Protein backbone atom coordinates (compact mmCIF):
# COMPACT_ATOMS: atom_id res chain seq x y z
CA MET A 1 14.13 21.73 9.66
CA ASP A 2 12.21 19.18 11.85
CA LEU A 3 10.57 17.06 8.85
CA ARG A 4 9.65 13.24 9.47
CA PRO A 5 7.34 11.04 7.35
CA HIS A 6 3.51 10.84 8.11
CA HIS A 7 1.55 9.83 5.68
CA ILE A 8 0.65 8.96 1.71
CA GLY A 9 -2.57 9.73 0.17
CA ILE A 10 -3.91 6.75 -2.02
CA VAL A 11 -7.10 7.28 -4.11
CA VAL A 12 -8.88 3.89 -4.08
CA SER A 13 -11.96 2.47 -5.90
CA ASP A 14 -13.35 -0.03 -3.42
CA LEU A 15 -12.75 1.52 0.03
CA GLU A 16 -13.52 -2.07 2.10
CA ARG A 17 -11.47 -3.57 -0.35
CA SER A 18 -8.41 -1.68 0.35
CA ILE A 19 -8.71 -1.38 3.96
CA ALA A 20 -8.97 -5.24 3.96
CA PHE A 21 -5.72 -5.09 1.96
CA TYR A 22 -3.90 -2.56 4.04
CA GLU A 23 -4.93 -4.66 7.22
CA ALA A 24 -3.40 -7.87 5.84
CA LEU A 25 0.03 -5.71 5.88
CA GLY A 26 -0.62 -4.78 9.32
CA PHE A 27 -2.00 -1.53 9.17
CA HIS A 28 -5.01 -0.58 11.30
CA THR A 29 -7.74 2.37 11.01
CA VAL A 30 -6.73 5.47 13.17
CA ARG A 31 -9.15 7.96 11.72
CA VAL A 32 -12.22 8.17 9.30
CA MET A 33 -13.67 11.27 7.91
CA ASP A 34 -16.69 11.19 5.87
CA SER A 35 -18.07 14.38 3.88
CA ASP A 36 -21.44 15.75 4.69
CA ASP A 37 -22.80 15.09 1.22
CA GLY A 38 -21.58 11.60 0.83
CA SER A 39 -19.24 12.17 -2.13
CA ARG A 40 -16.02 10.99 -0.34
CA VAL A 41 -14.33 9.10 2.53
CA ILE A 42 -11.07 9.52 4.06
CA THR A 43 -9.66 6.79 5.98
CA PHE A 44 -6.27 7.12 7.80
CA MET A 45 -4.44 3.50 8.40
CA ASP A 46 -1.27 3.37 10.51
CA LEU A 47 1.55 0.98 10.30
CA GLY A 48 4.63 1.87 13.05
CA GLY A 49 3.71 5.23 12.61
CA MET A 50 3.61 5.67 8.95
CA GLN A 51 -0.24 6.38 7.53
CA VAL A 52 -1.69 5.62 4.33
CA GLU A 53 -4.71 8.05 3.71
CA LEU A 54 -7.06 6.18 1.48
CA PHE A 55 -9.47 8.45 -0.36
CA TRP A 56 -12.79 6.86 -1.78
CA TYR A 57 -15.11 9.25 -3.92
CA ALA A 58 -18.52 8.34 -4.89
CA THR A 59 -17.59 8.88 -8.69
CA THR A 60 -14.39 7.00 -9.36
CA PRO A 61 -11.85 8.73 -11.25
CA ALA A 62 -10.08 7.05 -14.09
CA PRO A 63 -6.96 5.01 -12.92
CA ALA A 64 -3.55 6.37 -13.28
CA GLU A 65 -1.49 5.30 -16.28
CA ARG A 66 0.94 2.54 -15.06
CA GLY A 67 4.37 1.94 -16.18
CA GLU A 68 7.98 2.40 -14.65
CA LYS A 69 8.55 5.60 -15.82
CA ARG A 70 5.24 7.46 -15.07
CA LEU A 71 5.07 10.67 -13.27
CA GLY A 72 4.06 10.79 -9.44
CA PHE A 73 3.78 8.18 -7.02
CA ALA A 74 5.88 5.29 -7.81
CA HIS A 75 5.52 2.68 -4.88
CA LEU A 76 5.18 2.52 -1.14
CA ALA A 77 8.23 0.63 0.33
CA LEU A 78 7.74 -1.31 3.94
CA ASP A 79 10.90 -2.87 5.45
CA THR A 80 10.71 -6.43 6.87
CA VAL A 81 13.07 -8.87 8.21
CA ASP A 82 12.01 -11.73 6.16
CA VAL A 83 10.57 -10.78 2.64
CA ALA A 84 9.80 -14.43 1.70
CA ALA A 85 7.79 -15.14 5.17
CA ALA A 86 5.76 -11.58 4.78
CA LEU A 87 4.91 -12.88 0.90
CA ALA A 88 3.79 -16.32 2.40
CA GLU A 89 1.26 -14.60 4.76
CA LEU A 90 0.13 -12.05 2.10
CA LYS A 91 -0.13 -15.15 -0.37
CA ALA A 92 -2.05 -17.36 2.38
CA THR A 93 -4.65 -14.35 2.36
CA GLY A 94 -5.29 -14.78 -1.22
CA LEU A 95 -4.53 -11.04 -1.77
CA VAL A 96 -1.09 -11.72 -3.44
CA PRO A 97 -0.34 -13.92 -6.21
CA ASP A 98 1.30 -17.09 -5.70
CA ASP A 99 3.69 -16.17 -8.87
CA VAL A 100 5.01 -13.00 -6.68
CA GLN A 101 8.61 -13.99 -5.93
CA PRO A 102 11.31 -12.16 -3.80
CA ARG A 103 14.36 -11.11 -5.68
CA VAL A 104 17.97 -10.04 -4.47
CA VAL A 105 19.54 -7.09 -5.65
CA PRO A 106 23.04 -5.61 -5.01
CA PRO A 107 24.57 -4.97 -2.72
CA ASP A 108 22.01 -6.58 0.19
CA PHE A 109 18.55 -6.05 -0.41
CA THR A 110 15.76 -8.57 -1.15
CA LEU A 111 12.66 -7.01 -2.54
CA ALA A 112 9.31 -8.30 -3.96
CA TYR A 113 6.50 -5.92 -5.43
CA ILE A 114 2.81 -6.79 -4.79
CA LEU A 115 -0.11 -4.38 -5.75
CA ASP A 116 -2.94 -2.94 -3.91
CA PRO A 117 -6.32 -3.42 -5.16
CA ASP A 118 -6.49 -0.43 -7.49
CA GLY A 119 -2.59 -1.24 -8.58
CA ALA A 120 -0.54 1.27 -6.33
CA GLU A 121 2.73 -0.66 -6.06
CA ILE A 122 4.04 -1.79 -2.76
CA GLU A 123 7.64 -3.00 -2.05
CA LEU A 124 8.51 -5.47 0.66
CA MET A 125 12.00 -4.61 1.53
CA GLN A 126 14.59 -6.89 3.43
CA ARG A 127 18.21 -5.47 4.06
CA GLY A 128 21.10 -7.69 4.55
């Protein structure tokens, strides 16, 4: 079997706000698809071969239930060599609250969790 990661789809309430957030993480827009009737826009953004597919609908769906044990998408993990430096850059943009702090998880991971504008969890992960 020849499978590789390609993208994850995320429904967003404000497309421009979400694009700005994912650009701050280093993603860049690679393709935009508009529906003929204006009912949705799909924006693909890429970061090192991994893509997020942002779905915006003219009629905003209800938010998904939050919580650690909910079904479905849990988080998007992004690897970095320095979680603290990545957090500092994101905090400087105003997109991440100042109280978000990295934590060490045995055996050798440093992790920080941030939320996108609609509450999707993003894990910043440093190994070693």
